[in-house]
């Protein structure tokens, strides 16, 4: 519970008690639609919010972290289908912390290969121990069963994820394993040997390796046929009829974040090509790095709030959107295992003193302005130049 403890503790200083705060935990492994099918999650959440509203006689503040942001976005679509004005009546503001609104390329590493930057960064001894306890093959099989990862796949295609000033999509590049490599003679940094895959190719490969049940979920996400199939994608469904609602996106920047991978295809099994590094391409040990919070790139964290939801087609009722960025400044003390009070890492940002202060001000009824520290506006402008 450390993850929320700092925020809850500080809320108590301005008058909140245990009856004022409700935790809506969910099974992270499930696809979003499955949360209602198996657990009646959205039905319970609706009742809990209405109960708080009746008890306090005022609208509620919803704070969601990471995947929870996508889940609450889905919930607003779900509840608005039943009552179009429900959100405006019951919700004052929603605060999304580290929201992967347009996905997280990290999900690609897990689904395609069972490994991500975390495993690449391990030393030889640490990696060997991890492989003995829970190896790459087992990790890969596990990740493929998690419907949640499919909702975290990069959204928006080439328009969102193409490299600047390039026609290449640098999410996934693959090359065949060579004979020399099998006998450990291959030289490093043969980056030109890799072939970049198209957005559709990536999703086709993922579909082929998924278990049958998740294949169905994959199809709903990639080719949505029903209205509810679009509810987890902010680019596919408009914000609800809630002109008095404010959506805050609060997230970290200034931390290298995985945004793509260079893979080796070893007889049909993909693995990250640790021999590939290119400073000019921001590739380190086979992982493409960009600005973000260490887990989610800044384009996914911030584009919807700074630009996507400014468009009438996605925000027809004028919901107010605000972005607040926090520079990642980790503590140098080894005693600060959570990174210190100015960390902006994806999880540990929940203990960031500036973020907590902003949440206290929002919960006190204040409206905060944008605070942009990254090149998000430039990224958004580049995206908006492209054909939608």
Foldseek 3Di string as FASTA:
>chain_A
DVLQVLLVVVLVVVPDDPVLDDDLDFDLQAALVVRCVPPVSLVVVLVVLVVNCVVVVDADEAEAAELRVLNVLLSQVVVCVVPQCSCQRHHQEYEYELYLQQAFLQLLCLQQAQDGVVLLPDDPVVNVVCCVVQNRVNSNLSSLSRLNSLLRHGPDFCLQQPDPPDSARFAEWEAEDDPCVVVPNDAFAPVVRTDGDGPVRSLVVSLVPHDPVSNVLSCCQVPNDDPSSCSSHLLRAAGGQHQSYEYEQEAEKDDKAFRHFYWYQYPNHTDGQQRHDDPVQCAHRGTRTDIGQHTHHPSSRPLCQVPVNVDCRRYVNNHHYAYEYAYADFDPDPVPPLRDQRGRHSRSVSNNPVVSVVVSCVNVPDDDHHDDDDCNVVSNVSSVVDDD
